[in-house]
């Protein structure tokens, strides 16, 4: 139902996705539709991620039209298209079709995703997507169940994506949810087992949506968790500091 229905578009720095090792210093056309297959109580883009058909205003765009727009923006420093803001892969067919058109024009494709799709669906995207930033929400099955996801499915997605594309990971650190030292040690050890060169972004929680009663994540604890992760990974980046 969200095929070709764009809710927002912006020419963003790639660092905002966030990417730190994928064409740093470049801009990328960032587009979103609506909807998500998880239900995070701290979601920062709930207005579109939690929206259904008719809940938000949209602009109809075909894959060819989106690719043409991306091409027109080359002169402004654009390197391609990022599918982002909501969960883009709930409408993976549109992402696949757009990415194919974008690739024909010699531009790049990036997906910012929670990684909660099947391996079969991912195989449809791998020929076209150059980079993924994948939300690794935490590293316990209990936490993923709270958010409406499945940790093993996301781990499988990360492994398959990393075998054929550039991958970076983002973990939002939420107080009293996924901020344990042991959990960060396990998370970073697993990521290192896939590839210790995968950048890990640890971002600071701020009260949002259904978690406005929580305090912002303490920066001192965030830095300690980053030190734990950096023992196993080459690149650990702090966000929202």
Protein backbone atom coordinates (compact mmCIF):
# COMPACT_ATOMS: atom_id res chain seq x y z
CA UNK A 1 0.00 0.00 0.00
CA UNK A 2 2.95 2.37 0.38
CA UNK A 3 4.48 1.70 -3.06
CA UNK A 4 5.71 4.99 -4.53
CA UNK A 5 4.12 7.08 -1.78
CA UNK A 6 6.82 9.41 -0.48
CA UNK A 7 6.30 11.14 2.86
CA UNK A 8 9.57 13.06 2.95
CA UNK A 9 12.68 13.72 0.91
CA UNK A 10 15.86 15.55 1.86
CA UNK A 11 19.42 15.90 0.63
CA UNK A 12 21.34 14.81 3.74
CA UNK A 13 24.98 14.30 4.66
CA UNK A 14 25.72 10.56 4.64
CA UNK A 15 26.94 10.96 8.23
CA UNK A 16 23.33 11.65 9.26
CA UNK A 17 22.13 8.15 8.23
CA UNK A 18 24.55 7.46 10.02
CA UNK A 19 27.51 6.28 7.93
CA UNK A 20 31.08 6.99 8.89
CA UNK A 21 32.92 4.79 6.37
CA UNK A 22 30.67 5.08 3.31
CA UNK A 23 31.61 8.04 1.09
CA UNK A 24 32.20 10.42 4.03
CA UNK A 25 31.64 14.07 3.25
CA UNK A 26 29.05 13.29 0.57
CA UNK A 27 25.35 14.06 0.34
CA UNK A 28 22.62 11.54 -0.41
CA UNK A 29 18.97 11.96 -1.35
CA UNK A 30 17.03 10.51 1.58
CA UNK A 31 13.45 9.40 1.05
CA UNK A 32 10.78 7.68 3.11
CA UNK A 33 7.38 6.13 2.70
CA UNK A 34 5.42 5.08 5.81
CA UNK A 35 5.04 2.11 8.11
CA UNK A 36 7.23 -0.23 10.14
CA UNK A 37 7.22 -3.89 11.20
CA UNK A 38 8.39 -3.16 14.76
CA UNK A 39 6.85 -1.06 17.54
CA UNK A 40 9.62 0.67 19.47
CA UNK A 41 8.29 2.81 22.35
CA UNK A 42 11.16 5.27 21.84
CA UNK A 43 10.69 5.72 18.07
CA UNK A 44 11.85 9.15 16.88
CA UNK A 45 9.93 9.01 13.58
CA UNK A 46 6.68 7.51 14.83
CA UNK A 47 4.57 10.01 12.86
CA UNK A 48 5.53 8.17 9.66
CA UNK A 49 6.83 4.84 11.00
CA UNK A 50 3.58 4.27 12.89
CA UNK A 51 1.36 5.61 10.14
CA UNK A 52 -0.99 3.66 7.96
CA UNK A 53 -2.52 4.52 4.60
CA UNK A 54 -4.34 7.84 4.87
CA UNK A 55 -2.62 8.90 8.12
CA UNK A 56 0.01 11.06 6.43
CA UNK A 57 0.24 13.12 3.27
CA UNK A 58 2.24 11.52 0.47
CA UNK A 59 3.56 12.39 -2.97
CA UNK A 60 3.40 9.76 -5.69
CA UNK A 61 6.77 9.00 -7.32
CA UNK A 62 7.74 6.21 -9.69
CA UNK A 63 11.12 4.46 -9.45
CA UNK A 64 12.23 6.10 -12.71
CA UNK A 65 11.19 9.55 -11.45
CA UNK A 66 13.07 9.10 -8.18
CA UNK A 67 16.19 7.96 -10.01
CA UNK A 68 15.94 10.96 -12.35
CA UNK A 69 15.68 13.32 -9.38
CA UNK A 70 18.73 11.73 -7.78
CA UNK A 71 20.60 12.16 -11.05
CA UNK A 72 19.60 15.83 -11.28
CA UNK A 73 21.05 16.42 -7.82
CA UNK A 74 24.54 15.18 -8.77
CA UNK A 75 25.56 18.80 -9.24
CA UNK A 76 24.68 19.46 -5.60
CA UNK A 77 26.95 16.64 -4.46
CA UNK A 78 24.40 13.82 -4.41
CA UNK A 79 25.80 10.28 -4.66
CA UNK A 80 22.49 8.38 -4.79
CA UNK A 81 19.42 7.49 -2.75
CA UNK A 82 19.02 6.44 0.89
CA UNK A 83 15.81 4.66 1.86
CA UNK A 84 15.29 5.76 5.44
CA UNK A 85 13.24 7.53 8.19
CA UNK A 86 10.51 4.88 8.42
CA UNK A 87 11.28 1.18 7.94
CA UNK A 88 11.87 1.18 4.18
CA UNK A 89 11.84 -2.58 3.76
CA UNK A 90 8.18 -2.98 4.69
CA UNK A 91 7.86 -1.76 1.10
CA UNK A 92 10.88 -3.64 -0.18
CA UNK A 93 9.50 -4.00 -3.70
CA UNK A 94 9.59 -0.22 -4.14
CA UNK A 95 13.12 -0.09 -2.73
CA UNK A 96 14.22 -2.86 -5.10
CA UNK A 97 12.67 -1.20 -8.14
CA UNK A 98 14.04 2.25 -7.30
CA UNK A 99 17.49 0.88 -6.48
CA UNK A 100 17.64 -0.86 -9.85
CA UNK A 101 16.85 2.42 -11.64
CA UNK A 102 19.33 4.36 -9.49
CA UNK A 103 22.07 1.83 -10.18
CA UNK A 104 21.50 2.13 -13.95
CA UNK A 105 22.48 5.78 -13.61
CA UNK A 106 25.73 4.95 -11.83
CA UNK A 107 24.54 6.18 -8.44
CA UNK A 108 24.64 4.53 -5.03
CA UNK A 109 21.85 3.01 -2.94
CA UNK A 110 21.74 2.86 0.85
CA UNK A 111 19.13 1.38 3.17
CA UNK A 112 18.64 2.35 6.81
CA UNK A 113 16.73 -0.57 8.26
CA UNK A 114 15.95 -2.63 11.35
CA UNK A 115 16.97 -5.75 9.42
CA UNK A 116 13.76 -7.57 10.29
CA UNK A 117 13.03 -9.16 6.94
CA UNK A 118 13.56 -12.64 5.58
CA UNK A 119 16.71 -13.88 3.92
CA UNK A 120 14.70 -14.49 0.76
CA UNK A 121 13.64 -10.85 0.61
CA UNK A 122 17.17 -9.66 1.31
CA UNK A 123 18.39 -11.71 -1.63
CA UNK A 124 16.15 -9.58 -3.89
CA UNK A 125 17.90 -6.43 -2.65
CA UNK A 126 21.54 -7.51 -2.48
CA UNK A 127 22.28 -6.89 -6.18
CA UNK A 128 21.27 -3.23 -5.83
CA UNK A 129 21.98 -1.93 -2.31
CA UNK A 130 25.53 -0.68 -1.79
CA UNK A 131 25.32 0.10 1.93
CA UNK A 132 23.16 -0.73 4.92
CA UNK A 133 22.92 0.91 8.29
CA UNK A 134 21.17 -1.71 10.39
CA UNK A 135 19.61 -1.05 13.79
CA UNK A 136 20.87 -3.71 16.16
CA UNK A 137 18.48 -2.74 18.94
CA UNK A 138 20.17 -4.76 21.66
CA UNK A 139 21.48 -8.25 22.20
CA UNK A 140 18.87 -10.18 24.15
CA UNK A 141 15.83 -12.06 22.88
CA UNK A 142 13.72 -10.55 25.65
CA UNK A 143 14.44 -6.99 24.55
CA UNK A 144 13.67 -7.77 20.93
CA UNK A 145 10.37 -9.36 21.91
CA UNK A 146 9.43 -6.13 23.71
CA UNK A 147 9.97 -4.23 20.48
CA UNK A 148 8.13 -6.70 18.28
CA UNK A 149 11.20 -8.11 16.57
CA UNK A 150 13.44 -11.16 16.51
CA UNK A 151 17.16 -11.02 17.33
CA UNK A 152 18.13 -14.11 15.33
CA UNK A 153 16.47 -12.78 12.18
CA UNK A 154 18.40 -9.52 12.49
CA UNK A 155 21.69 -11.35 13.09
CA UNK A 156 21.11 -13.41 9.96
CA UNK A 157 20.32 -10.25 7.99
CA UNK A 158 23.53 -8.60 9.18
CA UNK A 159 25.68 -11.58 8.21
CA UNK A 160 24.19 -11.84 4.73
CA UNK A 161 24.30 -8.09 4.11
CA UNK A 162 27.92 -7.83 5.27
CA UNK A 163 28.92 -10.56 2.82
CA UNK A 164 27.90 -8.45 -0.16
CA UNK A 165 27.71 -4.78 0.81
CA UNK A 166 29.05 -2.10 3.13
CA UNK A 167 27.44 -2.46 6.58
CA UNK A 168 27.35 -0.22 9.61
CA UNK A 169 25.32 -0.86 12.77
CA UNK A 170 23.48 1.45 15.14
CA UNK A 171 22.44 0.67 18.71
CA UNK A 172 20.36 3.19 20.62
CA UNK A 173 21.33 2.82 24.29
CA UNK A 174 18.19 3.07 26.44
CA UNK A 175 18.51 3.43 30.24
CA UNK A 176 17.65 0.23 32.13
CA UNK A 177 16.90 -1.63 28.90
CA UNK A 178 20.08 -2.43 26.94
CA UNK A 179 22.75 -0.50 28.85
CA UNK A 180 24.48 -3.41 30.61
CA UNK A 181 28.22 -3.92 30.27
CA UNK A 182 27.82 -7.68 29.76
CA UNK A 183 25.29 -7.15 26.98
CA UNK A 184 27.60 -4.70 25.19
CA UNK A 185 30.49 -7.13 25.51
CA UNK A 186 28.37 -9.89 23.97
CA UNK A 187 27.03 -7.63 21.22
CA UNK A 188 30.43 -6.33 20.18
CA UNK A 189 31.99 -9.81 20.34
CA UNK A 190 29.33 -11.13 17.98
CA UNK A 191 29.77 -8.22 15.56
CA UNK A 192 33.53 -8.84 15.60
CA UNK A 193 32.88 -12.49 14.74
CA UNK A 194 31.19 -11.27 11.55
CA UNK A 195 33.80 -8.58 10.81
CA UNK A 196 35.58 -6.40 13.35
CA UNK A 197 35.78 -3.66 10.68
CA UNK A 198 32.01 -3.09 10.82
CA UNK A 199 31.48 0.36 12.41
CA UNK A 200 29.19 0.41 15.45
CA UNK A 201 27.30 3.62 16.25
CA UNK A 202 26.19 3.90 19.88
CA UNK A 203 23.57 6.61 20.13
CA UNK A 204 22.24 8.39 23.17
CA UNK A 205 18.60 7.94 24.15
CA UNK A 206 16.39 10.97 24.62
CA UNK A 207 12.77 10.76 25.85
CA UNK A 208 10.43 10.09 22.94
CA UNK A 209 6.99 8.72 22.18
CA UNK A 210 5.95 6.31 25.00
CA UNK A 211 9.19 6.71 26.98
CA UNK A 212 8.97 10.36 27.90
CA UNK A 213 9.21 9.41 31.58
CA UNK A 214 12.83 8.30 31.16
CA UNK A 215 15.84 10.55 31.54
CA UNK A 216 18.31 11.01 28.68
CA UNK A 217 21.07 8.42 28.62
CA UNK A 218 24.04 9.39 30.79
CA UNK A 219 26.96 10.28 28.55
CA UNK A 220 29.47 8.82 31.02
CA UNK A 221 27.83 5.38 30.80
CA UNK A 222 27.58 5.64 27.02
CA UNK A 223 31.32 6.31 26.86
CA UNK A 224 32.04 3.30 29.08
CA UNK A 225 29.99 1.08 26.81
CA UNK A 226 31.89 2.46 23.83
CA UNK A 227 35.17 1.54 25.53
CA UNK A 228 33.90 -2.03 25.98
CA UNK A 229 32.89 -2.28 22.32
CA UNK A 230 36.18 -0.75 21.14
CA UNK A 231 38.09 -3.67 22.66
CA UNK A 232 36.66 -5.86 19.91
CA UNK A 233 35.76 -3.49 17.06
CA UNK A 234 37.91 -1.16 15.01
CA UNK A 235 35.40 1.69 14.82
CA UNK A 236 32.95 2.75 17.55
CA UNK A 237 31.17 6.06 17.09
CA UNK A 238 29.11 7.98 19.66
CA UNK A 239 25.93 9.72 18.49
CA UNK A 240 23.60 12.33 20.02
CA UNK A 241 26.25 13.39 22.53
